[in-house]
Protein backbone atom coordinates (compact mmCIF):
# COMPACT_ATOMS: atom_id res chain seq x y z
CA MET A 1 11.48 -69.81 -9.22
CA SER A 2 14.60 -71.07 -9.85
CA GLU A 3 17.53 -72.42 -7.13
CA GLU A 4 19.65 -69.65 -8.07
CA SER A 5 17.45 -66.92 -8.82
CA THR A 6 17.09 -66.99 -4.40
CA THR A 7 20.34 -67.06 -4.56
CA LEU A 8 22.47 -64.06 -5.77
CA ASP A 9 23.27 -61.18 -4.36
CA LEU A 10 21.93 -58.22 -5.03
CA ALA A 11 25.50 -56.28 -6.73
CA GLU A 12 24.01 -60.03 -9.29
CA LEU A 13 21.02 -58.92 -10.44
CA ALA A 14 22.09 -55.25 -10.85
CA ARG A 15 25.47 -56.29 -12.75
CA ARG A 16 21.83 -58.04 -15.10
CA SER A 17 19.54 -55.24 -14.91
CA VAL A 18 22.92 -53.12 -16.27
CA GLN A 19 23.76 -56.43 -18.80
CA ALA A 20 19.28 -55.88 -20.03
CA ALA A 21 19.60 -52.61 -20.26
CA SER A 22 19.18 -51.94 -23.98
CA SER A 23 16.62 -53.39 -24.35
CA PHE A 24 13.25 -52.42 -21.83
CA GLU A 25 11.64 -56.04 -22.26
CA ALA A 26 14.07 -57.76 -21.07
CA PHE A 27 14.90 -54.43 -17.79
CA VAL A 28 11.36 -54.34 -16.77
CA SER A 29 11.55 -57.44 -15.81
CA PHE A 30 13.56 -56.64 -12.11
CA LEU A 31 11.63 -53.01 -11.44
CA ALA A 32 9.02 -53.27 -9.31
CA PRO A 33 5.46 -52.01 -10.69
CA ASP A 34 5.69 -48.84 -9.20
CA ALA A 35 9.04 -47.97 -9.57
CA VAL A 36 10.68 -44.90 -9.43
CA PHE A 37 13.83 -44.06 -12.26
CA ASP A 38 14.81 -39.84 -10.83
CA ILE A 39 16.53 -38.23 -13.85
CA SER A 40 15.99 -35.33 -11.29
CA PRO A 41 19.36 -34.65 -10.87
CA TYR A 42 19.99 -34.20 -14.73
CA GLY A 43 17.05 -32.08 -15.08
CA MET A 44 14.91 -34.36 -16.85
CA GLY A 45 12.05 -35.21 -14.25
CA THR A 46 11.14 -39.02 -12.47
CA TYR A 47 9.13 -40.78 -13.85
CA GLU A 48 6.29 -43.47 -11.55
CA GLY A 49 5.77 -46.85 -12.43
CA THR A 50 6.68 -49.34 -15.21
CA ASN A 51 4.99 -47.41 -18.00
CA ALA A 52 6.34 -43.93 -17.09
CA ILE A 53 9.26 -45.89 -16.85
CA ARG A 54 9.45 -47.57 -20.88
CA GLY A 55 7.88 -44.31 -22.23
CA PHE A 56 11.40 -42.47 -21.14
CA TRP A 57 14.15 -45.47 -21.98
CA GLU A 58 11.50 -46.77 -25.37
CA GLY A 59 11.68 -42.09 -25.94
CA TRP A 60 15.48 -42.35 -25.11
CA LEU A 61 16.60 -45.67 -27.17
CA ASP A 62 14.95 -44.82 -30.16
CA ALA A 63 18.00 -41.59 -30.77
CA PHE A 64 20.40 -44.44 -31.29
CA ASP A 65 21.55 -46.81 -33.88
CA GLU A 66 23.54 -48.34 -31.66
CA PHE A 67 23.14 -47.98 -27.48
CA ALA A 68 24.20 -50.11 -24.66
CA VAL A 69 25.61 -50.18 -21.40
CA GLU A 70 28.34 -51.29 -19.66
CA ALA A 71 29.47 -51.39 -15.58
CA THR A 72 32.81 -50.79 -14.83
CA GLU A 73 31.88 -51.22 -10.93
CA VAL A 74 28.46 -52.44 -8.41
CA LEU A 75 28.53 -52.41 -4.85
CA ASP A 76 25.84 -54.03 -2.75
CA LEU A 77 26.19 -51.16 0.99
CA GLY A 78 23.13 -53.54 2.17
CA ASN A 79 19.43 -52.49 3.76
CA GLY A 80 18.94 -53.14 -0.57
CA VAL A 81 21.61 -49.85 -1.68
CA VAL A 82 23.32 -50.13 -4.93
CA LEU A 83 25.81 -48.40 -6.43
CA SER A 84 26.44 -49.20 -10.00
CA VAL A 85 29.15 -46.81 -12.04
CA LEU A 86 27.95 -47.35 -15.72
CA VAL A 87 29.11 -46.38 -18.94
CA SER A 88 26.62 -45.22 -22.63
CA ILE A 89 27.95 -46.68 -25.99
CA GLY A 90 26.31 -45.80 -28.26
CA ARG A 91 26.15 -44.92 -31.87
CA PRO A 92 23.22 -41.11 -32.54
CA ARG A 93 21.13 -41.89 -35.29
CA GLY A 94 22.66 -40.85 -38.14
CA SER A 95 25.43 -40.52 -37.26
CA SER A 96 28.47 -42.36 -37.64
CA ALA A 97 30.27 -40.89 -34.37
CA LYS A 98 30.27 -43.00 -31.16
CA VAL A 99 29.50 -41.63 -27.84
CA ARG A 100 30.34 -42.25 -24.48
CA VAL A 101 28.28 -40.94 -21.30
CA PRO A 102 30.19 -42.18 -17.20
CA TYR A 103 26.89 -42.01 -15.10
CA ALA A 104 26.07 -43.94 -11.75
CA ILE A 105 22.85 -44.93 -10.96
CA VAL A 106 21.51 -45.50 -6.74
CA GLY A 107 19.48 -48.64 -7.00
CA VAL A 108 17.80 -49.88 -3.82
CA TRP A 109 16.15 -53.24 -4.14
CA VAL A 110 13.20 -54.68 -1.75
CA ASP A 111 12.39 -58.16 -2.96
CA ARG A 112 14.65 -58.44 -5.16
CA LEU A 113 12.91 -56.33 -7.40
CA LEU A 114 13.79 -51.90 -8.02
CA VAL A 115 12.12 -49.44 -6.65
CA ARG A 116 13.65 -46.52 -7.66
CA PHE A 117 16.16 -45.65 -8.75
CA THR A 118 18.32 -41.84 -9.44
CA MET A 119 21.24 -41.55 -12.27
CA TYR A 120 23.73 -39.29 -11.30
CA ASP A 121 26.55 -37.67 -13.10
CA ASP A 122 28.06 -37.06 -10.87
CA ILE A 123 30.20 -40.59 -9.54
CA ASP A 124 31.42 -39.21 -5.92
CA GLU A 125 27.72 -37.72 -5.21
CA ALA A 126 26.23 -40.95 -6.13
CA ARG A 127 28.97 -43.10 -3.17
CA ALA A 128 28.31 -40.63 -0.97
CA VAL A 129 23.99 -40.28 -0.69
CA ALA A 130 24.82 -44.37 -1.46
CA LYS A 131 26.50 -44.63 0.87
CA ARG A 132 24.79 -42.38 3.32
CA LEU A 133 21.17 -43.67 1.46
CA ALA A 134 22.38 -47.49 2.80
CA GLU A 135 22.97 -46.35 6.77
CA GLU A 136 19.05 -44.17 7.08
CA ARG A 137 17.25 -47.81 5.89
CA GLY A 138 19.82 -50.41 8.19
């Protein structure tokens, strides 16, 4: 492991995972093998393990000709909890229009790997959940 990878804080790791999000092959390096992706706040279920997450993510990306994720805020709240406020920008397949969708991810990191991440469309709700989770894990 390089010295750089051992000195990065969780907020920086989260930023790098966001930068990798447009390619699952790059993103998977940030995931624990048994990671859980929870999109139940959107009514889209929960995906457990990298294979299940890959299936969802590749299907999602396939709906777009262009897709990127930008972080507008990344906060390490302590105890392995990171709040990322994000914007997905994409051009749906066959369309000339671009869509911008703001949302937040509450991530739980253990041993520098993302073990659980939950997506919220209500950024204030995500902020409150992240704060409470960080306190509970303390």
